[in-house]
C-alpha atoms as a PDB file:
ATOM      1  CA  UNK A   1     143.404  44.509  99.407  1.00  0.00           C
ATOM      2  CA  UNK A   2     140.469  44.064  96.985  1.00  0.00           C
ATOM      3  CA  UNK A   3     137.312  42.068  97.469  1.00  0.00           C
ATOM      4  CA  UNK A   4     134.874  40.829  94.870  1.00  0.00           C
ATOM      5  CA  UNK A   5     131.855  43.090  94.598  1.00  0.00           C
ATOM      6  CA  UNK A   6     128.837  40.888  95.445  1.00  0.00           C
ATOM      7  CA  UNK A   7     125.104  41.421  94.988  1.00  0.00           C
ATOM      8  CA  UNK A   8     124.887  43.642  98.086  1.00  0.00           C
ATOM      9  CA  UNK A   9     127.652  45.834  96.695  1.00  0.00           C
ATOM     10  CA  UNK A  10     125.834  46.298  93.388  1.00  0.00           C
ATOM     11  CA  UNK A  11     122.541  47.023  95.137  1.00  0.00           C
ATOM     12  CA  UNK A  12     124.154  49.478  97.553  1.00  0.00           C
ATOM     13  CA  UNK A  13     125.859  51.152  94.618  1.00  0.00           C
ATOM     14  CA  UNK A  14     122.501  51.452  92.836  1.00  0.00           C
ATOM     15  CA  UNK A  15     120.887  52.863  95.981  1.00  0.00           C
ATOM     16  CA  UNK A  16     123.695  55.382  96.299  1.00  0.00           C
ATOM     17  CA  UNK A  17     123.244  56.469  92.685  1.00  0.00           C
ATOM     18  CA  UNK A  18     119.464  56.749  93.161  1.00  0.00           C
ATOM     19  CA  UNK A  19     119.967  58.895  96.246  1.00  0.00           C
ATOM     20  CA  UNK A  20     122.501  61.005  94.361  1.00  0.00           C
ATOM     21  CA  UNK A  21     119.983  61.569  91.559  1.00  0.00           C
ATOM     22  CA  UNK A  22     117.182  62.381  94.009  1.00  0.00           C
ATOM     23  CA  UNK A  23     119.322  64.879  95.904  1.00  0.00           C
ATOM     24  CA  UNK A  24     120.731  66.450  92.747  1.00  0.00           C
ATOM     25  CA  UNK A  25     117.193  66.989  91.416  1.00  0.00           C
ATOM     26  CA  UNK A  26     116.118  68.396  94.778  1.00  0.00           C
ATOM     27  CA  UNK A  27     119.073  70.758  94.814  1.00  0.00           C
ATOM     28  CA  UNK A  28     118.267  71.823  91.254  1.00  0.00           C
ATOM     29  CA  UNK A  29     114.670  72.655  92.208  1.00  0.00           C
ATOM     30  CA  UNK A  30     115.879  74.549  95.254  1.00  0.00           C
ATOM     31  CA  UNK A  31     118.382  76.562  93.245  1.00  0.00           C
ATOM     32  CA  UNK A  32     115.754  77.457  90.646  1.00  0.00           C
ATOM     33  CA  UNK A  33     113.331  78.801  93.286  1.00  0.00           C
ATOM     34  CA  UNK A  34     113.087  82.551  93.466  1.00  0.00           C
ATOM     35  CA  UNK A  35     114.270  83.689  96.894  1.00  0.00           C
ATOM     36  CA  UNK A  36     114.452  87.153  98.324  1.00  0.00           C
ATOM     37  CA  UNK A  37     116.739  86.301 101.215  1.00  0.00           C
ATOM     38  CA  UNK A  38     120.468  85.855 100.536  1.00  0.00           C
ATOM     39  CA  UNK A  39     120.928  83.826 103.710  1.00  0.00           C
ATOM     40  CA  UNK A  40     118.236  81.349 102.595  1.00  0.00           C
ATOM     41  CA  UNK A  41     120.057  80.901  99.293  1.00  0.00           C
ATOM     42  CA  UNK A  42     123.348  80.203 101.073  1.00  0.00           C
ATOM     43  CA  UNK A  43     121.664  77.743 103.433  1.00  0.00           C
ATOM     44  CA  UNK A  44     120.010  75.902 100.530  1.00  0.00           C
ATOM     45  CA  UNK A  45     123.326  75.678  98.712  1.00  0.00           C
ATOM     46  CA  UNK A  46     125.093  74.359 101.823  1.00  0.00           C
ATOM     47  CA  UNK A  47     122.449  71.695 102.450  1.00  0.00           C
ATOM     48  CA  UNK A  48     122.502  70.647  98.790  1.00  0.00           C
ATOM     49  CA  UNK A  49     126.303  70.364  98.823  1.00  0.00           C
ATOM     50  CA  UNK A  50     126.206  68.272 102.012  1.00  0.00           C
ATOM     51  CA  UNK A  51     123.594  65.877 100.624  1.00  0.00           C
ATOM     52  CA  UNK A  52     125.558  65.548  97.382  1.00  0.00           C
ATOM     53  CA  UNK A  53     128.690  64.716  99.407  1.00  0.00           C
ATOM     54  CA  UNK A  54     126.852  62.047 101.430  1.00  0.00           C
ATOM     55  CA  UNK A  55     125.523  60.408  98.263  1.00  0.00           C
ATOM     56  CA  UNK A  56     128.991  60.576  96.666  1.00  0.00           C
ATOM     57  CA  UNK A  57     130.535  58.893  99.717  1.00  0.00           C
ATOM     58  CA  UNK A  58     127.936  56.121  99.430  1.00  0.00           C
ATOM     59  CA  UNK A  59     128.690  55.532  95.744  1.00  0.00           C
ATOM     60  CA  UNK A  60     132.459  55.487  96.314  1.00  0.00           C
ATOM     61  CA  UNK A  61     132.121  53.215  99.338  1.00  0.00           C
ATOM     62  CA  UNK A  62     130.000  50.731  97.371  1.00  0.00           C
ATOM     63  CA  UNK A  63     132.340  50.764  94.343  1.00  0.00           C
ATOM     64  CA  UNK A  64     135.467  50.287  96.437  1.00  0.00           C
ATOM     65  CA  UNK A  65     133.752  48.166  99.093  1.00  0.00           C
ATOM     66  CA  UNK A  66     135.369  50.393 101.707  1.00  0.00           C
ATOM     67  CA  UNK A  67     134.253  49.598 105.256  1.00  0.00           C
ATOM     68  CA  UNK A  68     134.818  53.092 106.701  1.00  0.00           C
ATOM     69  CA  UNK A  69     133.078  54.898 103.830  1.00  0.00           C
ATOM     70  CA  UNK A  70     130.008  52.665 104.033  1.00  0.00           C
ATOM     71  CA  UNK A  71     129.767  53.092 107.814  1.00  0.00           C
ATOM     72  CA  UNK A  72     130.012  56.875 107.329  1.00  0.00           C
ATOM     73  CA  UNK A  73     127.351  56.765 104.600  1.00  0.00           C
ATOM     74  CA  UNK A  74     124.947  54.708 106.738  1.00  0.00           C
ATOM     75  CA  UNK A  75     125.398  57.004 109.767  1.00  0.00           C
ATOM     76  CA  UNK A  76     124.887  60.230 107.827  1.00  0.00           C
ATOM     77  CA  UNK A  77     121.918  58.811 105.942  1.00  0.00           C
ATOM     78  CA  UNK A  78     120.324  57.786 109.246  1.00  0.00           C
ATOM     79  CA  UNK A  79     120.896  61.272 110.646  1.00  0.00           C
ATOM     80  CA  UNK A  80     119.335  62.849 107.541  1.00  0.00           C
ATOM     81  CA  UNK A  81     116.250  60.657 107.968  1.00  0.00           C
ATOM     82  CA  UNK A  82     115.948  61.644 111.631  1.00  0.00           C
ATOM     83  CA  UNK A  83     116.173  65.338 110.718  1.00  0.00           C
ATOM     84  CA  UNK A  84     113.525  64.911 108.005  1.00  0.00           C
ATOM     85  CA  UNK A  85     111.168  63.102 110.394  1.00  0.00           C
ATOM     86  CA  UNK A  86     111.720  65.782 113.045  1.00  0.00           C
ATOM     87  CA  UNK A  87     111.075  68.528 110.476  1.00  0.00           C
ATOM     88  CA  UNK A  88     107.861  66.816 109.328  1.00  0.00           C
ATOM     89  CA  UNK A  89     106.583  66.471 112.904  1.00  0.00           C
ATOM     90  CA  UNK A  90     107.518  70.072 113.718  1.00  0.00           C
ATOM     91  CA  UNK A  91     105.853  71.299 110.535  1.00  0.00           C
ATOM     92  CA  UNK A  92     102.621  69.505 111.444  1.00  0.00           C
ATOM     93  CA  UNK A  93     102.639  70.634 115.071  1.00  0.00           C
ATOM     94  CA  UNK A  94     103.394  74.261 114.203  1.00  0.00           C
ATOM     95  CA  UNK A  95     101.369  74.471 110.990  1.00  0.00           C
ATOM     96  CA  UNK A  96      99.259  77.338 112.345  1.00  0.00           C
ATOM     97  CA  UNK A  97     102.374  79.274 113.341  1.00  0.00           C
ATOM     98  CA  UNK A  98     103.887  78.629 109.899  1.00  0.00           C
ATOM     99  CA  UNK A  99     100.783  80.130 108.288  1.00  0.00           C
ATOM    100  CA  UNK A 100     100.930  83.091 110.651  1.00  0.00           C
ATOM    101  CA  UNK A 101     104.593  83.706 109.837  1.00  0.00           C
ATOM    102  CA  UNK A 102     103.893  83.416 106.115  1.00  0.00           C
ATOM    103  CA  UNK A 103     101.096  85.967 106.447  1.00  0.00           C
ATOM    104  CA  UNK A 104     103.416  88.309 108.347  1.00  0.00           C
ATOM    105  CA  UNK A 105     106.215  87.894 105.805  1.00  0.00           C
ATOM    106  CA  UNK A 106     103.827  88.390 102.877  1.00  0.00           C
ATOM    107  CA  UNK A 107     102.600  91.674 104.332  1.00  0.00           C
ATOM    108  CA  UNK A 108     106.192  92.801 104.923  1.00  0.00           C
ATOM    109  CA  UNK A 109     107.072  92.088 101.308  1.00  0.00           C
ATOM    110  CA  UNK A 110     104.015  94.062 100.221  1.00  0.00           C
ATOM    111  CA  UNK A 111     105.542  97.100 101.953  1.00  0.00           C
ATOM    112  CA  UNK A 112     108.721  96.586  99.910  1.00  0.00           C
ATOM    113  CA  UNK A 113     106.784  96.187  96.660  1.00  0.00           C
ATOM    114  CA  UNK A 114     107.095  99.799  95.399  1.00  0.00           C
ATOM    115  CA  UNK A 115     110.877  99.944  95.902  1.00  0.00           C
ATOM    116  CA  UNK A 116     112.186  96.409  95.238  1.00  0.00           C
ATOM    117  CA  UNK A 117     112.033  94.933  91.728  1.00  0.00           C
ATOM    118  CA  UNK A 118     112.871  91.414  92.904  1.00  0.00           C
ATOM    119  CA  UNK A 119     110.177  91.485  95.581  1.00  0.00           C
ATOM    120  CA  UNK A 120     107.701  92.902  93.075  1.00  0.00           C
ATOM    121  CA  UNK A 121     108.380  90.121  90.580  1.00  0.00           C
ATOM    122  CA  UNK A 122     107.920  87.425  93.253  1.00  0.00           C
ATOM    123  CA  UNK A 123     104.625  88.846  94.526  1.00  0.00           C
ATOM    124  CA  UNK A 124     103.394  89.446  90.978  1.00  0.00           C
ATOM    125  CA  UNK A 125     104.097  85.829  90.065  1.00  0.00           C
ATOM    126  CA  UNK A 126     102.305  84.541  93.181  1.00  0.00           C
ATOM    127  CA  UNK A 127      99.260  86.741  92.571  1.00  0.00           C
ATOM    128  CA  UNK A 128      99.149  85.788  88.912  1.00  0.00           C
ATOM    129  CA  UNK A 129      99.589  82.040  89.485  1.00  0.00           C
ATOM    130  CA  UNK A 130      97.131  81.767  92.388  1.00  0.00           C
ATOM    131  CA  UNK A 131      94.691  84.375  91.033  1.00  0.00           C
ATOM    132  CA  UNK A 132      94.743  86.332  94.273  1.00  0.00           C
ATOM    133  CA  UNK A 133      95.400  89.871  95.481  1.00  0.00           C
ATOM    134  CA  UNK A 134      96.956  90.984  98.757  1.00  0.00           C
ATOM    135  CA  UNK A 135      97.412  88.918 101.914  1.00  0.00           C
ATOM    136  CA  UNK A 136      93.814  88.679 103.207  1.00  0.00           C
ATOM    137  CA  UNK A 137      92.176  90.442 100.255  1.00  0.00           C
ATOM    138  CA  UNK A 138      92.747  93.202  97.722  1.00  0.00           C
ATOM    139  CA  UNK A 139      92.119  96.001 100.280  1.00  0.00           C
ATOM    140  CA  UNK A 140      95.504  95.219 101.886  1.00  0.00           C
ATOM    141  CA  UNK A 141      97.141  97.196  99.071  1.00  0.00           C
ATOM    142  CA  UNK A 142      95.357 100.370 100.220  1.00  0.00           C
ATOM    143  CA  UNK A 143      97.605 100.400 103.297  1.00  0.00           C
ATOM    144  CA  UNK A 144     100.785 100.538 101.185  1.00  0.00           C
ATOM    145  CA  UNK A 145     102.220 104.014 100.494  1.00  0.00           C
ATOM    146  CA  UNK A 146     102.107 104.978  96.791  1.00  0.00           C
ATOM    147  CA  UNK A 147      99.512 102.232  96.176  1.00  0.00           C
ATOM    148  CA  UNK A 148      96.396 104.277  97.001  1.00  0.00           C
ATOM    149  CA  UNK A 149      93.539 103.769  94.540  1.00  0.00           C
ATOM    150  CA  UNK A 150      95.451 101.063  92.737  1.00  0.00           C
ATOM    151  CA  UNK A 151      96.630  97.449  92.965  1.00  0.00           C
ATOM    152  CA  UNK A 152      99.440  95.667  91.122  1.00  0.00           C
ATOM    153  CA  UNK A 153      98.569  94.739  87.538  1.00  0.00           C
ATOM    154  CA  UNK A 154      99.011  91.076  88.544  1.00  0.00           C
ATOM    155  CA  UNK A 155      95.724  91.365  90.495  1.00  0.00           C
ATOM    156  CA  UNK A 156      93.742  91.938  87.305  1.00  0.00           C
ATOM    157  CA  UNK A 157      91.643  89.166  85.799  1.00  0.00           C
ATOM    158  CA  UNK A 158      92.870  90.207  82.344  1.00  0.00           C
ATOM    159  CA  UNK A 159      96.372  91.581  82.835  1.00  0.00           C
ATOM    160  CA  UNK A 160      97.251  94.645  80.763  1.00  0.00           C
ATOM    161  CA  UNK A 161      99.607  97.549  81.380  1.00  0.00           C
ATOM    162  CA  UNK A 162      98.306  99.793  84.215  1.00  0.00           C
ATOM    163  CA  UNK A 163      95.100  97.762  84.520  1.00  0.00           C
ATOM    164  CA  UNK A 164      95.416  98.047  88.314  1.00  0.00           C
ATOM    165  CA  UNK A 165      95.259 101.867  88.275  1.00  0.00           C
ATOM    166  CA  UNK A 166      91.802 103.145  89.319  1.00  0.00           C
ATOM    167  CA  UNK A 167      90.577  99.566  89.103  1.00  0.00           C
ATOM    168  CA  UNK A 168      87.025  98.285  89.155  1.00  0.00           C
ATOM    169  CA  UNK A 169      86.499  95.530  91.747  1.00  0.00           C
ATOM    170  CA  UNK A 170      84.828  93.157  89.302  1.00  0.00           C
ATOM    171  CA  UNK A 171      87.915  93.318  87.064  1.00  0.00           C
ATOM    172  CA  UNK A 172      90.384  92.083  89.700  1.00  0.00           C
ATOM    173  CA  UNK A 173      90.874  89.015  91.877  1.00  0.00           C
ATOM    174  CA  UNK A 174      89.590  89.922  95.342  1.00  0.00           C
ATOM    175  CA  UNK A 175      90.655  86.877  97.410  1.00  0.00           C
ATOM    176  CA  UNK A 176      93.834  86.986  99.478  1.00  0.00           C
ATOM    177  CA  UNK A 177      96.934  84.974  98.617  1.00  0.00           C
ATOM    178  CA  UNK A 178      97.550  83.536 102.104  1.00  0.00           C
ATOM    179  CA  UNK A 179      94.283  81.586 102.130  1.00  0.00           C
ATOM    180  CA  UNK A 180      94.591  80.669  98.444  1.00  0.00           C
ATOM    181  CA  UNK A 181      98.066  79.205  98.930  1.00  0.00           C
ATOM    182  CA  UNK A 182      96.981  77.423 102.136  1.00  0.00           C
ATOM    183  CA  UNK A 183      94.067  75.858 100.248  1.00  0.00           C
ATOM    184  CA  UNK A 184      96.403  74.771  97.454  1.00  0.00           C
ATOM    185  CA  UNK A 185      98.732  73.120  99.981  1.00  0.00           C
ATOM    186  CA  UNK A 186      95.838  71.276 101.625  1.00  0.00           C
ATOM    187  CA  UNK A 187      94.671  70.079  98.226  1.00  0.00           C
ATOM    188  CA  UNK A 188      98.114  68.810  97.240  1.00  0.00           C
ATOM    189  CA  UNK A 189      99.182  67.439 100.616  1.00  0.00           C
ATOM    190  CA  UNK A 190      98.775  63.841  99.391  1.00  0.00           C
ATOM    191  CA  UNK A 191     101.130  64.485  96.474  1.00  0.00           C
ATOM    192  CA  UNK A 192     103.685  66.006  98.844  1.00  0.00           C
ATOM    193  CA  UNK A 193     103.296  63.073 101.254  1.00  0.00           C
ATOM    194  CA  UNK A 194     103.728  60.542  98.422  1.00  0.00           C
ATOM    195  CA  UNK A 195     106.894  62.296  97.246  1.00  0.00           C
ATOM    196  CA  UNK A 196     108.239  62.338 100.812  1.00  0.00           C
ATOM    197  CA  UNK A 197     107.508  58.621 101.239  1.00  0.00           C
ATOM    198  CA  UNK A 198     109.265  57.898  97.938  1.00  0.00           C
ATOM    199  CA  UNK A 199     112.399  59.722  99.079  1.00  0.00           C
ATOM    200  CA  UNK A 200     112.197  58.034 102.500  1.00  0.00           C
ATOM    201  CA  UNK A 201     112.000  54.617 100.807  1.00  0.00           C
ATOM    202  CA  UNK A 202     115.178  55.325  98.834  1.00  0.00           C
ATOM    203  CA  UNK A 203     116.942  56.445 102.014  1.00  0.00           C
ATOM    204  CA  UNK A 204     115.832  53.381 103.997  1.00  0.00           C
ATOM    205  CA  UNK A 205     116.882  51.121 101.124  1.00  0.00           C
ATOM    206  CA  UNK A 206     120.275  52.839 101.075  1.00  0.00           C
ATOM    207  CA  UNK A 207     120.727  52.329 104.826  1.00  0.00           C
ATOM    208  CA  UNK A 208     119.729  48.646 104.707  1.00  0.00           C
ATOM    209  CA  UNK A 209     121.927  47.824 101.723  1.00  0.00           C
ATOM    210  CA  UNK A 210     124.839  49.794 103.171  1.00  0.00           C
ATOM    211  CA  UNK A 211     124.577  47.745 106.367  1.00  0.00           C
ATOM    212  CA  UNK A 212     124.445  44.521 104.317  1.00  0.00           C
ATOM    213  CA  UNK A 213     127.562  45.538 102.411  1.00  0.00           C
ATOM    214  CA  UNK A 214     129.340  46.519 105.645  1.00  0.00           C
ATOM    215  CA  UNK A 215     128.539  43.078 107.050  1.00  0.00           C
ATOM    216  CA  UNK A 216     129.846  41.442 103.864  1.00  0.00           C
ATOM    217  CA  UNK A 217     133.068  43.472 103.950  1.00  0.00           C
ATOM    218  CA  UNK A 218     133.550  42.700 107.645  1.00  0.00           C
ATOM    219  CA  UNK A 219     133.131  38.991 106.953  1.00  0.00           C
ATOM    220  CA  UNK A 220     135.807  39.284 104.272  1.00  0.00           C
ATOM    221  CA  UNK A 221     138.217  40.859 106.748  1.00  0.00           C
ATOM    222  CA  UNK A 222     137.546  38.112 109.289  1.00  0.00           C
ATOM    223  CA  UNK A 223     138.246  35.433 106.687  1.00  0.00           C
ATOM    224  CA  UNK A 224     141.543  37.092 105.763  1.00  0.00           C
END
């Protein structure tokens, strides 16, 4: 049984495609991030695959005007929004704990710096990009075995090979990375909030149009 695809169907289809594009881009960014934890990578991949599946179900349901698929799409999209809202609230409420955990994790990775190339490359990139050194300050590196009287070359103002060996304080960045990154997040919080609102708008639009299409399909069944 086939029904004519009306304006709601086209709009729901467009919303599904927009969500699919948003999620695909998000998954791409996630997959390109450098991670040191294999479990985090697996979790990111699983979440990305799930979101892609939800968006695909929405597109197929809109194209075929399938009642069950559109109901499924609307339910899952609503659940995703609830999870995102809960995560945002939890992130705000536990922001101090998040910073504390980041500081703890950063210091742990500093201990692994001399023996792990992947960890070293991640910390070097962070120190280079944020022009910082250590967790609280450059003296944190003195507590790391094999790092006495030196800091990573990424701490240097002008990076050259072995510039961190027997360094001079004026030639390196002395501020810690934890505070630098926290300051950067505070500065860019409006950009992050705007991006989150944009994604939320697409999701709400998808839910509303999916419900409109479901109502249209249901009316078609009642007529038949």
